[in-house]
Amino acid sequence: MARRPKRAPRDTYNYTLFGGFNQPVYHGITNNPQRRLQQHRQDGKFFTDYEISPRRSRSRADREETREIHRHQDNNWGLAPLYNKAKVIPKEWRLW
């Protein structure tokens, strides 16, 4: 009987920080959400709430983070969330 290929470890979380008016100000990924939230507070990022996803593989978390940043841009005149400094491709340049 053939062995199933190993699944990627599900040890990564997506998270979103929300600012005033419950608007997303940051989309990120981490393997330790509570530590990462504390780091954001220490860095002076202002947020009033947050949302953390269930655990998932690192590659899926990367895709979800990119998708959420692009979704934010699509709905906000091409602007990324306030604290994201990712390289983000404008909608008209994307192939997906």
N, C-alpha and C. Protein backbone atom coordinates (compact mmCIF):
# COMPACT_ATOMS: atom_id res chain seq x y z
N MET A 1 0.84 -1.19 0.00
CA MET A 1 0.00 0.00 0.00
C MET A 1 0.89 1.25 0.00
N ALA A 2 0.56 2.19 -0.85
CA ALA A 2 1.36 3.41 -0.96
C ALA A 2 1.14 4.29 0.26
N ARG A 3 2.21 4.91 0.68
CA ARG A 3 2.13 5.82 1.83
C ARG A 3 1.64 7.18 1.38
N ARG A 4 0.84 7.78 2.23
CA ARG A 4 0.37 9.14 1.93
C ARG A 4 1.52 10.11 2.09
N PRO A 5 1.59 11.10 1.22
CA PRO A 5 2.64 12.11 1.39
C PRO A 5 2.40 12.88 2.69
N LYS A 6 3.49 13.29 3.30
CA LYS A 6 3.37 14.05 4.54
C LYS A 6 2.71 15.40 4.28
N ARG A 7 1.84 15.78 5.19
CA ARG A 7 1.21 17.10 5.10
C ARG A 7 2.13 18.13 5.73
N ALA A 8 2.05 19.32 5.21
CA ALA A 8 2.83 20.41 5.80
C ALA A 8 2.30 20.67 7.21
N PRO A 9 3.18 20.97 8.15
CA PRO A 9 2.71 21.23 9.51
C PRO A 9 1.79 22.45 9.56
N ARG A 10 0.76 22.33 10.33
CA ARG A 10 -0.18 23.44 10.51
C ARG A 10 0.20 24.15 11.80
N ASP A 11 1.13 25.08 11.67
CA ASP A 11 1.66 25.75 12.85
C ASP A 11 1.68 27.28 12.69
N THR A 12 0.95 27.76 11.71
CA THR A 12 0.97 29.20 11.40
C THR A 12 -0.45 29.76 11.45
N TYR A 13 -0.58 31.00 11.89
CA TYR A 13 -1.87 31.67 12.00
C TYR A 13 -1.86 32.93 11.14
N ASN A 14 -3.00 33.25 10.55
CA ASN A 14 -3.20 34.57 9.96
C ASN A 14 -3.86 35.42 11.03
N TYR A 15 -3.57 36.70 11.01
CA TYR A 15 -4.25 37.59 11.95
C TYR A 15 -4.46 38.95 11.30
N THR A 16 -5.47 39.63 11.79
CA THR A 16 -5.79 40.97 11.31
C THR A 16 -5.93 41.88 12.51
N LEU A 17 -5.30 43.05 12.44
CA LEU A 17 -5.46 44.08 13.48
C LEU A 17 -6.47 45.09 12.96
N PHE A 18 -7.37 45.53 13.84
CA PHE A 18 -8.39 46.50 13.46
C PHE A 18 -8.18 47.79 14.24
N GLY A 19 -8.34 48.91 13.54
CA GLY A 19 -8.23 50.22 14.16
C GLY A 19 -9.60 50.82 14.38
N GLY A 20 -9.66 52.16 14.41
CA GLY A 20 -10.91 52.86 14.59
C GLY A 20 -11.93 52.48 13.52
N PHE A 21 -13.18 52.53 13.86
CA PHE A 21 -14.28 52.18 12.96
C PHE A 21 -14.17 50.73 12.47
N ASN A 22 -13.43 49.90 13.21
CA ASN A 22 -13.28 48.48 12.91
C ASN A 22 -12.72 48.22 11.51
N GLN A 23 -11.84 49.11 11.06
CA GLN A 23 -11.19 48.95 9.76
C GLN A 23 -9.86 48.21 9.93
N PRO A 24 -9.53 47.28 9.02
CA PRO A 24 -8.24 46.57 9.12
C PRO A 24 -7.07 47.54 8.94
N VAL A 25 -6.09 47.44 9.84
CA VAL A 25 -4.89 48.27 9.73
C VAL A 25 -3.65 47.42 9.48
N TYR A 26 -3.79 46.08 9.60
CA TYR A 26 -2.64 45.21 9.36
C TYR A 26 -3.12 43.78 9.16
N HIS A 27 -2.55 43.11 8.17
CA HIS A 27 -2.76 41.68 7.95
C HIS A 27 -1.39 41.02 8.08
N GLY A 28 -1.30 39.97 8.89
CA GLY A 28 0.00 39.32 9.07
C GLY A 28 -0.13 37.84 9.33
N ILE A 29 1.04 37.19 9.47
CA ILE A 29 1.09 35.77 9.81
C ILE A 29 2.11 35.59 10.92
N THR A 30 1.91 34.56 11.74
CA THR A 30 2.80 34.28 12.85
C THR A 30 2.61 32.85 13.31
N ASN A 31 3.58 32.35 14.06
CA ASN A 31 3.41 31.05 14.69
C ASN A 31 3.12 31.20 16.18
N ASN A 32 3.12 32.45 16.68
CA ASN A 32 2.83 32.73 18.08
C ASN A 32 2.02 34.03 18.16
N PRO A 33 0.70 33.95 18.04
CA PRO A 33 -0.13 35.16 17.96
C PRO A 33 -0.01 36.11 19.16
N GLN A 34 0.02 35.58 20.37
CA GLN A 34 0.06 36.47 21.54
C GLN A 34 1.38 37.24 21.60
N ARG A 35 2.49 36.57 21.30
CA ARG A 35 3.78 37.27 21.27
C ARG A 35 3.78 38.35 20.20
N ARG A 36 3.23 38.02 19.02
CA ARG A 36 3.23 38.98 17.90
C ARG A 36 2.36 40.20 18.21
N LEU A 37 1.22 39.99 18.85
CA LEU A 37 0.36 41.12 19.23
C LEU A 37 1.10 42.04 20.20
N GLN A 38 1.81 41.45 21.15
CA GLN A 38 2.59 42.24 22.10
C GLN A 38 3.68 43.03 21.38
N GLN A 39 4.33 42.43 20.39
CA GLN A 39 5.36 43.14 19.62
C GLN A 39 4.76 44.34 18.89
N HIS A 40 3.57 44.17 18.32
CA HIS A 40 2.92 45.29 17.63
C HIS A 40 2.62 46.42 18.62
N ARG A 41 2.15 46.07 19.80
CA ARG A 41 1.88 47.11 20.81
C ARG A 41 3.17 47.84 21.18
N GLN A 42 4.25 47.08 21.39
CA GLN A 42 5.53 47.69 21.75
C GLN A 42 6.07 48.57 20.63
N ASP A 43 5.75 48.24 19.38
CA ASP A 43 6.19 49.05 18.24
C ASP A 43 5.36 50.32 18.07
N GLY A 44 4.31 50.47 18.89
CA GLY A 44 3.49 51.67 18.82
C GLY A 44 2.35 51.61 17.83
N LYS A 45 2.05 50.44 17.32
CA LYS A 45 0.91 50.32 16.40
C LYS A 45 -0.38 50.41 17.22
N PHE A 46 -1.29 51.26 16.76
CA PHE A 46 -2.57 51.41 17.44
C PHE A 46 -3.59 50.48 16.81
N PHE A 47 -4.20 49.64 17.63
CA PHE A 47 -5.31 48.81 17.18
C PHE A 47 -6.25 48.56 18.34
N THR A 48 -7.52 48.44 18.01
CA THR A 48 -8.54 48.28 19.05
C THR A 48 -9.02 46.84 19.19
N ASP A 49 -8.79 46.03 18.17
CA ASP A 49 -9.25 44.65 18.19
C ASP A 49 -8.38 43.84 17.23
N TYR A 50 -8.52 42.54 17.30
CA TYR A 50 -7.79 41.66 16.39
C TYR A 50 -8.59 40.40 16.16
N GLU A 51 -8.22 39.71 15.09
CA GLU A 51 -8.86 38.44 14.74
C GLU A 51 -7.75 37.47 14.36
N ILE A 52 -7.82 36.24 14.88
CA ILE A 52 -6.81 35.23 14.61
C ILE A 52 -7.48 34.02 13.97
N SER A 53 -6.89 33.52 12.89
CA SER A 53 -7.44 32.37 12.17
C SER A 53 -7.10 31.07 12.89
N PRO A 54 -7.73 29.98 12.48
CA PRO A 54 -7.27 28.67 12.94
C PRO A 54 -5.87 28.39 12.38
N ARG A 55 -5.18 27.41 12.95
CA ARG A 55 -3.84 27.05 12.46
C ARG A 55 -3.93 26.53 11.03
N ARG A 56 -2.88 26.84 10.25
CA ARG A 56 -2.80 26.37 8.87
C ARG A 56 -1.34 26.26 8.48
N SER A 57 -1.10 25.71 7.30
CA SER A 57 0.28 25.58 6.83
C SER A 57 0.84 26.96 6.50
N ARG A 58 2.16 27.05 6.53
CA ARG A 58 2.82 28.32 6.24
C ARG A 58 2.48 28.81 4.83
N SER A 59 2.47 27.90 3.85
CA SER A 59 2.19 28.32 2.48
C SER A 59 0.75 28.83 2.35
N ARG A 60 -0.19 28.18 3.00
CA ARG A 60 -1.57 28.67 2.94
C ARG A 60 -1.69 30.02 3.64
N ALA A 61 -1.01 30.17 4.77
CA ALA A 61 -1.05 31.45 5.49
C ALA A 61 -0.49 32.58 4.63
N ASP A 62 0.61 32.30 3.91
CA ASP A 62 1.19 33.31 3.01
C ASP A 62 0.18 33.72 1.93
N ARG A 63 -0.47 32.73 1.32
CA ARG A 63 -1.47 33.03 0.28
C ARG A 63 -2.63 33.85 0.85
N GLU A 64 -3.11 33.47 2.03
CA GLU A 64 -4.23 34.20 2.64
C GLU A 64 -3.85 35.64 2.97
N GLU A 65 -2.65 35.83 3.47
CA GLU A 65 -2.19 37.19 3.80
C GLU A 65 -2.17 38.05 2.54
N THR A 66 -1.59 37.53 1.47
CA THR A 66 -1.53 38.27 0.20
C THR A 66 -2.94 38.56 -0.31
N ARG A 67 -3.81 37.58 -0.25
CA ARG A 67 -5.20 37.75 -0.72
C ARG A 67 -5.91 38.86 0.07
N GLU A 68 -5.73 38.87 1.39
CA GLU A 68 -6.39 39.89 2.21
C GLU A 68 -5.85 41.30 1.93
N ILE A 69 -4.54 41.41 1.73
CA ILE A 69 -3.97 42.72 1.40
C ILE A 69 -4.50 43.19 0.05
N HIS A 70 -4.56 42.29 -0.93
CA HIS A 70 -5.09 42.66 -2.25
C HIS A 70 -6.56 43.04 -2.16
N ARG A 71 -7.32 42.30 -1.37
CA ARG A 71 -8.74 42.62 -1.19
C ARG A 71 -8.90 44.02 -0.59
N HIS A 72 -8.05 44.33 0.38
CA HIS A 72 -8.10 45.65 1.00
C HIS A 72 -7.78 46.72 -0.04
N GLN A 73 -6.76 46.48 -0.85
CA GLN A 73 -6.40 47.45 -1.89
C GLN A 73 -7.54 47.64 -2.89
N ASP A 74 -8.15 46.54 -3.29
CA ASP A 74 -9.23 46.62 -4.26
C ASP A 74 -10.39 47.47 -3.76
N ASN A 75 -10.59 47.49 -2.46
CA ASN A 75 -11.70 48.24 -1.87
C ASN A 75 -11.30 49.61 -1.33
N ASN A 76 -10.02 49.96 -1.44
CA ASN A 76 -9.53 51.22 -0.87
C ASN A 76 -8.59 51.96 -1.81
N TRP A 77 -8.99 52.10 -3.04
CA TRP A 77 -8.26 52.91 -4.03
C TRP A 77 -6.79 52.53 -4.17
N GLY A 78 -6.50 51.24 -4.04
CA GLY A 78 -5.13 50.77 -4.21
C GLY A 78 -4.23 50.91 -3.01
N LEU A 79 -4.77 51.40 -1.89
CA LEU A 79 -3.96 51.58 -0.68
C LEU A 79 -3.94 50.30 0.15
N ALA A 80 -2.74 49.92 0.61
CA ALA A 80 -2.60 48.79 1.51
C ALA A 80 -3.07 49.21 2.91
N PRO A 81 -3.33 48.26 3.81
CA PRO A 81 -3.67 48.63 5.19
C PRO A 81 -2.58 49.51 5.79
N LEU A 82 -2.97 50.33 6.75
CA LEU A 82 -2.11 51.36 7.33
C LEU A 82 -0.71 50.87 7.67
N TYR A 83 -0.57 49.74 8.35
CA TYR A 83 0.74 49.29 8.82
C TYR A 83 1.41 48.25 7.94
N ASN A 84 0.78 47.79 6.89
CA ASN A 84 1.42 46.83 6.00
C ASN A 84 2.41 47.55 5.10
N LYS A 85 3.61 47.00 5.02
CA LYS A 85 4.64 47.58 4.15
C LYS A 85 5.10 46.52 3.15
N ALA A 86 4.17 45.70 2.73
CA ALA A 86 4.48 44.61 1.81
C ALA A 86 4.57 45.14 0.38
N LYS A 87 5.28 44.40 -0.45
CA LYS A 87 5.28 44.70 -1.88
C LYS A 87 3.97 44.18 -2.43
N VAL A 88 3.13 45.07 -2.84
CA VAL A 88 1.80 44.66 -3.29
C VAL A 88 1.62 45.10 -4.74
N ILE A 89 1.15 44.18 -5.56
CA ILE A 89 1.00 44.43 -6.99
C ILE A 89 -0.35 45.10 -7.26
N PRO A 90 -0.37 46.21 -8.00
CA PRO A 90 -1.64 46.85 -8.34
C PRO A 90 -2.57 45.88 -9.08
N LYS A 91 -3.86 46.03 -8.87
CA LYS A 91 -4.86 45.12 -9.43
C LYS A 91 -4.71 44.95 -10.94
N GLU A 92 -4.48 46.03 -11.65
CA GLU A 92 -4.41 45.94 -13.12
C GLU A 92 -3.18 45.19 -13.60
N TRP A 93 -2.18 44.97 -12.76
CA TRP A 93 -1.00 44.22 -13.15
C TRP A 93 -1.12 42.74 -12.83
N ARG A 94 -2.09 42.38 -12.00
CA ARG A 94 -2.20 40.99 -11.55
C ARG A 94 -2.74 40.08 -12.64
N LEU A 95 -2.30 38.84 -12.61
CA LEU A 95 -2.78 37.85 -13.56
C LEU A 95 -3.85 36.97 -12.95
N TRP A 96 -4.18 37.17 -11.68
CA TRP A 96 -5.21 36.35 -11.03
C TRP A 96 -6.35 37.16 -10.54
